[in-house]
Amino acid sequence: MSSTVSVWQNISGSGALCALYLCALIFLLLTEKKKSLRILLVYFPLLWFIILLCPFTYQVSAMLLDEEIYYRFFWGLPMTATLAYSGVKLYEMYRGRLRPLLGAAVLVVFMLCGDYVYNNWQFSQAENEYHIPQAVVDICDFMHRPGKEVVAVFPAELMQYVRQYDCTIYMPYGREMLFLDMSDELYTLMENTVNPDAGQICELAAENGCAYIVISENKIVRGSLEQCGYVYIQTIDGYALYFNEDMLIG
């Protein structure tokens, strides 16, 4: 039970929204008359929550899948829909003069129970319609080769967005480096080394078939990548691009 509870605690944040969700469930259990809505918003979520808290469910999931993604099963709880419906239902049930104030109070409670999303380092204000950094869009557009697959090394702050934008661009490592505590020699050299050696970067990039190496202008590299088979092309949005034509696939 401790593992499943810890997963729930990790995704619950301060717990305020979860407490509000529990209140909404109780409210709908007592007031909702439509059977279909009771099943969808009350009975199913409660059953699903009990199943997910069962240690046996967690163990089976860990064997068949990856225990790191277990938290995603909690996304099946319709928290947003339940809270929104409960708030509207409460507003409609009250017919007094202070009804507008009640509606405003419900909205304020929702706001106070949440967190400002941009305080989280994983979120930033949208720069384009794709909701990914504009640097990724510009760099991938430059790299894209119709009919060819391209392998490229990206800095950690960009790599988790690349495949969202262009599925023909591959990487020797991905976002698992950030969230699954995995190791990779090239990633360690690129991200965890203060002044990485250009020769080592090129050697490992070539071993992984990388046609492009993308390096932030703020990264100081010892030596020259151009002396190791990769030619400087241009700088896009603060990132220098180096290219090795022999590594193109297809």
C-alpha atoms as a PDB file:
ATOM      1  CA  MET A   1       0.000   0.000   0.000  1.00  0.00           C
ATOM      2  CA  SER A   2       2.864   2.381   0.789  1.00  0.00           C
ATOM      3  CA  SER A   3       4.048   2.494  -2.849  1.00  0.00           C
ATOM      4  CA  THR A   4       0.635   3.349  -4.253  1.00  0.00           C
ATOM      5  CA  VAL A   5       0.002   5.931  -1.544  1.00  0.00           C
ATOM      6  CA  SER A   6       3.378   7.563  -2.187  1.00  0.00           C
ATOM      7  CA  VAL A   7       2.583   7.813  -5.911  1.00  0.00           C
ATOM      8  CA  TRP A   8      -0.723   9.511  -5.091  1.00  0.00           C
ATOM      9  CA  GLN A   9       0.976  11.874  -2.636  1.00  0.00           C
ATOM     10  CA  ASN A  10       3.612  12.826  -5.217  1.00  0.00           C
ATOM     11  CA  ILE A  11       1.015  13.869  -7.780  1.00  0.00           C
ATOM     12  CA  SER A  12      -1.333  15.537  -5.298  1.00  0.00           C
ATOM     13  CA  GLY A  13       0.791  18.617  -4.725  1.00  0.00           C
ATOM     14  CA  SER A  14      -0.409  20.491  -1.660  1.00  0.00           C
ATOM     15  CA  GLY A  15      -3.483  18.258  -1.520  1.00  0.00           C
ATOM     16  CA  ALA A  16      -5.929  21.167  -1.673  1.00  0.00           C
ATOM     17  CA  LEU A  17      -7.445  20.209  -5.037  1.00  0.00           C
ATOM     18  CA  CYS A  18      -7.687  16.579  -3.968  1.00  0.00           C
ATOM     19  CA  ALA A  19      -9.548  17.610  -0.808  1.00  0.00           C
ATOM     20  CA  LEU A  20     -11.853  19.771  -2.920  1.00  0.00           C
ATOM     21  CA  TYR A  21     -12.392  16.834  -5.285  1.00  0.00           C
ATOM     22  CA  LEU A  22     -13.377  14.638  -2.340  1.00  0.00           C
ATOM     23  CA  CYS A  23     -15.888  17.282  -1.243  1.00  0.00           C
ATOM     24  CA  ALA A  24     -17.280  17.366  -4.796  1.00  0.00           C
ATOM     25  CA  LEU A  25     -17.698  13.576  -4.797  1.00  0.00           C
ATOM     26  CA  ILE A  26     -19.597  13.685  -1.507  1.00  0.00           C
ATOM     27  CA  PHE A  27     -21.736  16.580  -2.779  1.00  0.00           C
ATOM     28  CA  LEU A  28     -22.679  14.702  -5.960  1.00  0.00           C
ATOM     29  CA  LEU A  29     -23.286  11.497  -4.033  1.00  0.00           C
ATOM     30  CA  LEU A  30     -25.866  13.340  -1.926  1.00  0.00           C
ATOM     31  CA  THR A  31     -27.463  15.558  -4.566  1.00  0.00           C
ATOM     32  CA  GLU A  32     -27.075  14.065  -8.055  1.00  0.00           C
ATOM     33  CA  LYS A  33     -30.221  12.249  -9.206  1.00  0.00           C
ATOM     34  CA  LYS A  34     -29.211  11.187 -12.721  1.00  0.00           C
ATOM     35  CA  LYS A  35     -27.964   7.621 -12.628  1.00  0.00           C
ATOM     36  CA  SER A  36     -25.669   8.059 -15.631  1.00  0.00           C
ATOM     37  CA  LEU A  37     -23.885  11.014 -14.022  1.00  0.00           C
ATOM     38  CA  ARG A  38     -23.623   9.232 -10.681  1.00  0.00           C
ATOM     39  CA  ILE A  39     -21.919   6.296 -12.442  1.00  0.00           C
ATOM     40  CA  LEU A  40     -19.603   8.538 -14.474  1.00  0.00           C
ATOM     41  CA  LEU A  41     -18.621  11.080 -11.828  1.00  0.00           C
ATOM     42  CA  VAL A  42     -19.015   9.194  -8.543  1.00  0.00           C
ATOM     43  CA  TYR A  43     -19.120   5.397  -8.719  1.00  0.00           C
ATOM     44  CA  PHE A  44     -16.510   4.862 -11.437  1.00  0.00           C
ATOM     45  CA  PRO A  45     -13.932   7.281  -9.962  1.00  0.00           C
ATOM     46  CA  LEU A  46     -14.293   5.726  -6.502  1.00  0.00           C
ATOM     47  CA  LEU A  47     -13.887   2.208  -7.908  1.00  0.00           C
ATOM     48  CA  TRP A  48     -10.925   3.265 -10.059  1.00  0.00           C
ATOM     49  CA  PHE A  49      -9.266   4.978  -7.102  1.00  0.00           C
ATOM     50  CA  ILE A  50      -9.654   1.847  -4.931  1.00  0.00           C
ATOM     51  CA  ILE A  51      -8.176  -0.310  -7.717  1.00  0.00           C
ATOM     52  CA  LEU A  52      -5.180   1.993  -8.102  1.00  0.00           C
ATOM     53  CA  LEU A  53      -4.496   2.054  -4.372  1.00  0.00           C
ATOM     54  CA  CYS A  54      -4.415  -1.749  -4.287  1.00  0.00           C
ATOM     55  CA  PRO A  55      -0.791  -2.971  -3.892  1.00  0.00           C
ATOM     56  CA  PHE A  56      -1.535  -5.937  -6.179  1.00  0.00           C
ATOM     57  CA  THR A  57      -2.458  -3.560  -9.016  1.00  0.00           C
ATOM     58  CA  TYR A  58       0.804  -1.700  -8.528  1.00  0.00           C
ATOM     59  CA  GLN A  59       2.856  -4.909  -8.554  1.00  0.00           C
ATOM     60  CA  VAL A  60       1.199  -6.224 -11.720  1.00  0.00           C
ATOM     61  CA  SER A  61       1.705  -2.861 -13.429  1.00  0.00           C
ATOM     62  CA  ALA A  62       5.374  -2.805 -12.392  1.00  0.00           C
ATOM     63  CA  MET A  63       5.911  -6.270 -13.912  1.00  0.00           C
ATOM     64  CA  LEU A  64       4.073  -5.646 -17.179  1.00  0.00           C
ATOM     65  CA  LEU A  65       4.871  -1.979 -17.679  1.00  0.00           C
ATOM     66  CA  ASP A  66       7.195   0.574 -16.106  1.00  0.00           C
ATOM     67  CA  GLU A  67       6.462   1.457 -12.498  1.00  0.00           C
ATOM     68  CA  GLU A  68       7.625   5.007 -13.242  1.00  0.00           C
ATOM     69  CA  ILE A  69       4.486   5.631 -15.314  1.00  0.00           C
ATOM     70  CA  TYR A  70       2.014   4.312 -12.705  1.00  0.00           C
ATOM     71  CA  TYR A  71       1.007   7.864 -11.797  1.00  0.00           C
ATOM     72  CA  ARG A  72      -0.567   8.242 -15.233  1.00  0.00           C
ATOM     73  CA  PHE A  73      -3.346   5.817 -14.307  1.00  0.00           C
ATOM     74  CA  PHE A  74      -4.584   8.407 -11.816  1.00  0.00           C
ATOM     75  CA  TRP A  75      -5.309  10.656 -14.788  1.00  0.00           C
ATOM     76  CA  GLY A  76      -8.374   8.460 -15.298  1.00  0.00           C
ATOM     77  CA  LEU A  77     -10.006  10.253 -12.372  1.00  0.00           C
ATOM     78  CA  PRO A  78     -12.240  12.962 -13.916  1.00  0.00           C
ATOM     79  CA  MET A  79     -11.216  15.636 -11.411  1.00  0.00           C
ATOM     80  CA  THR A  80     -11.617  18.623 -13.702  1.00  0.00           C
ATOM     81  CA  ALA A  81     -15.031  17.559 -15.012  1.00  0.00           C
ATOM     82  CA  THR A  82     -16.267  16.675 -11.529  1.00  0.00           C
ATOM     83  CA  LEU A  83     -15.150  19.954  -9.974  1.00  0.00           C
ATOM     84  CA  ALA A  84     -16.576  22.009 -12.822  1.00  0.00           C
ATOM     85  CA  TYR A  85     -19.904  20.176 -12.791  1.00  0.00           C
ATOM     86  CA  SER A  86     -20.165  20.372  -9.000  1.00  0.00           C
ATOM     87  CA  GLY A  87     -19.477  24.099  -9.035  1.00  0.00           C
ATOM     88  CA  VAL A  88     -22.134  24.740 -11.684  1.00  0.00           C
ATOM     89  CA  LYS A  89     -24.631  22.461  -9.922  1.00  0.00           C
ATOM     90  CA  LEU A  90     -24.088  24.253  -6.608  1.00  0.00           C
ATOM     91  CA  TYR A  91     -24.578  27.593  -8.362  1.00  0.00           C
ATOM     92  CA  GLU A  92     -27.818  26.432  -9.993  1.00  0.00           C
ATOM     93  CA  MET A  93     -29.202  25.006  -6.743  1.00  0.00           C
ATOM     94  CA  TYR A  94     -28.911  28.336  -4.925  1.00  0.00           C
ATOM     95  CA  ARG A  95     -31.613  30.838  -5.923  1.00  0.00           C
ATOM     96  CA  GLY A  96     -30.961  33.657  -3.457  1.00  0.00           C
ATOM     97  CA  ARG A  97     -29.835  37.236  -4.115  1.00  0.00           C
ATOM     98  CA  LEU A  98     -26.268  36.365  -3.303  1.00  0.00           C
ATOM     99  CA  ARG A  99     -26.078  33.903  -6.179  1.00  0.00           C
ATOM    100  CA  PRO A 100     -23.468  35.950  -8.136  1.00  0.00           C
ATOM    101  CA  LEU A 101     -21.290  36.098  -5.017  1.00  0.00           C
ATOM    102  CA  LEU A 102     -21.584  32.329  -4.643  1.00  0.00           C
ATOM    103  CA  GLY A 103     -20.423  31.850  -8.220  1.00  0.00           C
ATOM    104  CA  ALA A 104     -17.483  34.175  -7.638  1.00  0.00           C
ATOM    105  CA  ALA A 105     -16.643  32.384  -4.389  1.00  0.00           C
ATOM    106  CA  VAL A 106     -16.558  29.009  -6.184  1.00  0.00           C
ATOM    107  CA  LEU A 107     -14.133  30.382  -8.753  1.00  0.00           C
ATOM    108  CA  VAL A 108     -11.927  31.918  -6.044  1.00  0.00           C
ATOM    109  CA  VAL A 109     -11.802  28.601  -4.173  1.00  0.00           C
ATOM    110  CA  PHE A 110     -10.732  26.805  -7.357  1.00  0.00           C
ATOM    111  CA  MET A 111      -7.996  29.387  -7.922  1.00  0.00           C
ATOM    112  CA  LEU A 112      -6.698  29.267  -4.345  1.00  0.00           C
ATOM    113  CA  CYS A 113      -6.530  25.470  -4.362  1.00  0.00           C
ATOM    114  CA  GLY A 114      -4.300  25.434  -7.436  1.00  0.00           C
ATOM    115  CA  ASP A 115      -0.779  26.658  -8.152  1.00  0.00           C
ATOM    116  CA  TYR A 116       0.481  29.142 -10.698  1.00  0.00           C
ATOM    117  CA  VAL A 117       1.622  26.755 -13.427  1.00  0.00           C
ATOM    118  CA  TYR A 118       4.519  28.944 -14.600  1.00  0.00           C
ATOM    119  CA  ASN A 119       6.210  28.605 -11.216  1.00  0.00           C
ATOM    120  CA  ASN A 120       7.118  25.098 -12.348  1.00  0.00           C
ATOM    121  CA  TRP A 121      10.362  24.962 -14.343  1.00  0.00           C
ATOM    122  CA  GLN A 122       8.795  22.484 -16.782  1.00  0.00           C
ATOM    123  CA  PHE A 123       6.291  25.093 -18.002  1.00  0.00           C
ATOM    124  CA  SER A 124       6.811  28.320 -19.884  1.00  0.00           C
ATOM    125  CA  GLN A 125       4.521  30.705 -21.700  1.00  0.00           C
ATOM    126  CA  ALA A 126       3.737  29.635 -25.256  1.00  0.00           C
ATOM    127  CA  GLU A 127       6.013  31.113 -27.917  1.00  0.00           C
ATOM    128  CA  ASN A 128       4.050  29.672 -30.844  1.00  0.00           C
ATOM    129  CA  GLU A 129       0.995  27.601 -31.771  1.00  0.00           C
ATOM    130  CA  TYR A 130       2.919  24.389 -31.052  1.00  0.00           C
ATOM    131  CA  HIS A 131       3.495  25.344 -27.403  1.00  0.00           C
ATOM    132  CA  ILE A 132       7.169  24.439 -27.613  1.00  0.00           C
ATOM    133  CA  PRO A 133      10.275  26.666 -27.571  1.00  0.00           C
ATOM    134  CA  GLN A 134      10.642  28.638 -30.798  1.00  0.00           C
ATOM    135  CA  ALA A 135      14.290  27.564 -30.964  1.00  0.00           C
ATOM    136  CA  VAL A 136      13.142  23.954 -31.459  1.00  0.00           C
ATOM    137  CA  VAL A 137      10.859  24.986 -34.334  1.00  0.00           C
ATOM    138  CA  ASP A 138      13.554  27.033 -36.068  1.00  0.00           C
ATOM    139  CA  ILE A 139      16.308  24.451 -35.619  1.00  0.00           C
ATOM    140  CA  CYS A 140      14.150  21.504 -36.699  1.00  0.00           C
ATOM    141  CA  ASP A 141      12.915  23.411 -39.756  1.00  0.00           C
ATOM    142  CA  PHE A 142      16.530  24.000 -40.726  1.00  0.00           C
ATOM    143  CA  MET A 143      17.508  20.353 -40.152  1.00  0.00           C
ATOM    144  CA  HIS A 144      14.510  18.793 -41.896  1.00  0.00           C
ATOM    145  CA  ARG A 145      15.446  16.842 -45.008  1.00  0.00           C
ATOM    146  CA  PRO A 146      12.486  15.533 -47.060  1.00  0.00           C
ATOM    147  CA  GLY A 147      12.827  11.783 -47.498  1.00  0.00           C
ATOM    148  CA  LYS A 148      15.677  11.504 -45.013  1.00  0.00           C
ATOM    149  CA  GLU A 149      15.914  10.707 -41.329  1.00  0.00           C
ATOM    150  CA  VAL A 150      18.203  12.982 -39.321  1.00  0.00           C
ATOM    151  CA  VAL A 151      19.910  12.145 -36.030  1.00  0.00           C
ATOM    152  CA  ALA A 152      20.965  15.126 -33.920  1.00  0.00           C
ATOM    153  CA  VAL A 153      22.337  15.902 -30.476  1.00  0.00           C
ATOM    154  CA  PHE A 154      20.281  18.545 -28.682  1.00  0.00           C
ATOM    155  CA  PRO A 155      20.896  20.294 -25.345  1.00  0.00           C
ATOM    156  CA  ALA A 156      18.787  19.008 -22.453  1.00  0.00           C
ATOM    157  CA  GLU A 157      16.508  22.063 -22.414  1.00  0.00           C
ATOM    158  CA  LEU A 158      15.396  21.389 -26.007  1.00  0.00           C
ATOM    159  CA  MET A 159      15.478  17.631 -26.516  1.00  0.00           C
ATOM    160  CA  GLN A 160      12.119  16.769 -24.939  1.00  0.00           C
ATOM    161  CA  TYR A 161      10.322  18.922 -27.520  1.00  0.00           C
ATOM    162  CA  VAL A 162      12.045  17.792 -30.714  1.00  0.00           C
ATOM    163  CA  ARG A 163       9.977  14.677 -31.408  1.00  0.00           C
ATOM    164  CA  GLN A 164       6.774  16.590 -30.658  1.00  0.00           C
ATOM    165  CA  TYR A 165       7.507  18.828 -33.605  1.00  0.00           C
ATOM    166  CA  ASP A 166       9.318  16.668 -36.171  1.00  0.00           C
ATOM    167  CA  CYS A 167       9.179  12.856 -36.055  1.00  0.00           C
ATOM    168  CA  THR A 168      11.854  12.519 -38.767  1.00  0.00           C
ATOM    169  CA  ILE A 169      14.511  13.874 -36.403  1.00  0.00           C
ATOM    170  CA  TYR A 170      15.959  11.343 -33.986  1.00  0.00           C
ATOM    171  CA  MET A 171      18.282  11.705 -31.009  1.00  0.00           C
ATOM    172  CA  PRO A 172      20.805   9.370 -29.366  1.00  0.00           C
ATOM    173  CA  TYR A 173      19.030   9.975 -26.064  1.00  0.00           C
ATOM    174  CA  GLY A 174      15.784  11.626 -25.017  1.00  0.00           C
ATOM    175  CA  ARG A 175      13.764  12.902 -22.094  1.00  0.00           C
ATOM    176  CA  GLU A 176      14.447   9.710 -20.123  1.00  0.00           C
ATOM    177  CA  MET A 177      17.749  11.351 -19.202  1.00  0.00           C
ATOM    178  CA  LEU A 178      15.807  14.034 -17.348  1.00  0.00           C
ATOM    179  CA  PHE A 179      13.148  12.014 -15.583  1.00  0.00           C
ATOM    180  CA  LEU A 180      14.287   8.389 -15.260  1.00  0.00           C
ATOM    181  CA  ASP A 181      17.765   8.998 -13.876  1.00  0.00           C
ATOM    182  CA  MET A 182      19.376   7.053 -16.733  1.00  0.00           C
ATOM    183  CA  SER A 183      22.956   7.507 -17.870  1.00  0.00           C
ATOM    184  CA  ASP A 184      24.553   7.981 -21.265  1.00  0.00           C
ATOM    185  CA  GLU A 185      28.177   8.808 -22.026  1.00  0.00           C
ATOM    186  CA  LEU A 186      27.367  11.429 -24.649  1.00  0.00           C
ATOM    187  CA  TYR A 187      24.701  13.050 -22.476  1.00  0.00           C
ATOM    188  CA  THR A 188      27.080  13.182 -19.514  1.00  0.00           C
ATOM    189  CA  LEU A 189      29.733  14.774 -21.699  1.00  0.00           C
ATOM    190  CA  MET A 190      27.321  17.343 -23.154  1.00  0.00           C
ATOM    191  CA  GLU A 191      25.394  18.266 -20.015  1.00  0.00           C
ATOM    192  CA  ASN A 192      27.383  17.345 -16.920  1.00  0.00           C
ATOM    193  CA  THR A 193      30.841  18.391 -18.055  1.00  0.00           C
ATOM    194  CA  VAL A 194      31.841  22.028 -17.534  1.00  0.00           C
ATOM    195  CA  ASN A 195      34.126  22.304 -20.569  1.00  0.00           C
ATOM    196  CA  PRO A 196      33.597  19.188 -22.711  1.00  0.00           C
ATOM    197  CA  ASP A 197      36.259  18.142 -25.187  1.00  0.00           C
ATOM    198  CA  ALA A 198      35.320  18.738 -28.834  1.00  0.00           C
ATOM    199  CA  GLY A 199      37.076  15.575 -29.972  1.00  0.00           C
ATOM    200  CA  GLN A 200      35.148  13.393 -27.546  1.00  0.00           C
ATOM    201  CA  ILE A 201      31.850  15.024 -28.506  1.00  0.00           C
ATOM    202  CA  CYS A 202      32.451  14.392 -32.205  1.00  0.00           C
ATOM    203  CA  GLU A 203      33.620  10.833 -31.622  1.00  0.00           C
ATOM    204  CA  LEU A 204      30.571   9.862 -29.555  1.00  0.00           C
ATOM    205  CA  ALA A 205      28.217  11.764 -31.870  1.00  0.00           C
ATOM    206  CA  ALA A 206      29.626   9.912 -34.888  1.00  0.00           C
ATOM    207  CA  GLU A 207      29.266   6.563 -33.088  1.00  0.00           C
ATOM    208  CA  ASN A 208      25.594   7.373 -32.620  1.00  0.00           C
ATOM    209  CA  GLY A 209      25.173   8.435 -36.256  1.00  0.00           C
ATOM    210  CA  CYS A 210      24.481  12.084 -35.440  1.00  0.00           C
ATOM    211  CA  ALA A 211      24.441  14.343 -38.491  1.00  0.00           C
ATOM    212  CA  TYR A 212      23.994  17.467 -36.354  1.00  0.00           C
ATOM    213  CA  ILE A 213      25.396  18.646 -33.054  1.00  0.00           C
ATOM    214  CA  VAL A 214      23.509  21.503 -31.409  1.00  0.00           C
ATOM    215  CA  ILE A 215      25.411  23.427 -28.736  1.00  0.00           C
ATOM    216  CA  SER A 216      24.277  26.450 -26.751  1.00  0.00           C
ATOM    217  CA  GLU A 217      26.368  29.589 -27.225  1.00  0.00           C
ATOM    218  CA  ASN A 218      26.760  29.626 -23.441  1.00  0.00           C
ATOM    219  CA  LYS A 219      28.535  26.252 -23.509  1.00  0.00           C
ATOM    220  CA  ILE A 220      32.326  26.505 -23.631  1.00  0.00           C
ATOM    221  CA  VAL A 221      33.876  23.614 -25.546  1.00  0.00           C
ATOM    222  CA  ARG A 222      37.582  22.777 -25.463  1.00  0.00           C
ATOM    223  CA  GLY A 223      38.982  22.452 -28.950  1.00  0.00           C
ATOM    224  CA  SER A 224      37.216  22.737 -32.295  1.00  0.00           C
ATOM    225  CA  LEU A 225      34.445  20.527 -33.600  1.00  0.00           C
ATOM    226  CA  GLU A 226      35.380  21.592 -37.138  1.00  0.00           C
ATOM    227  CA  GLN A 227      38.700  19.785 -36.805  1.00  0.00           C
ATOM    228  CA  CYS A 228      36.872  16.582 -35.933  1.00  0.00           C
ATOM    229  CA  GLY A 229      34.571  16.169 -38.916  1.00  0.00           C
ATOM    230  CA  TYR A 230      31.690  18.486 -38.010  1.00  0.00           C
ATOM    231  CA  VAL A 231      31.374  21.785 -39.897  1.00  0.00           C
ATOM    232  CA  TYR A 232      29.845  24.889 -38.336  1.00  0.00           C
ATOM    233  CA  ILE A 233      26.715  25.871 -40.279  1.00  0.00           C
ATOM    234  CA  GLN A 234      25.114  28.765 -38.432  1.00  0.00           C
ATOM    235  CA  THR A 235      23.710  29.926 -35.099  1.00  0.00           C
ATOM    236  CA  ILE A 236      19.942  29.799 -34.600  1.00  0.00           C
ATOM    237  CA  ASP A 237      18.258  31.375 -31.574  1.00  0.00           C
ATOM    238  CA  GLY A 238      21.423  31.154 -29.512  1.00  0.00           C
ATOM    239  CA  TYR A 239      22.383  27.606 -30.535  1.00  0.00           C
ATOM    240  CA  ALA A 240      25.321  26.759 -32.814  1.00  0.00           C
ATOM    241  CA  LEU A 241      24.731  24.005 -35.382  1.00  0.00           C
ATOM    242  CA  TYR A 242      27.489  21.678 -36.586  1.00  0.00           C
ATOM    243  CA  PHE A 243      26.925  19.280 -39.488  1.00  0.00           C
ATOM    244  CA  ASN A 244      28.472  16.054 -40.768  1.00  0.00           C
ATOM    245  CA  GLU A 245      26.961  15.105 -44.136  1.00  0.00           C
ATOM    246  CA  ASP A 246      28.339  11.559 -43.963  1.00  0.00           C
ATOM    247  CA  MET A 247      25.949  10.806 -41.101  1.00  0.00           C
ATOM    248  CA  LEU A 248      22.713  11.464 -43.014  1.00  0.00           C
ATOM    249  CA  ILE A 249      20.385   8.463 -43.133  1.00  0.00           C
ATOM    250  CA  GLY A 250      18.454   7.443 -46.231  1.00  0.00           C
END
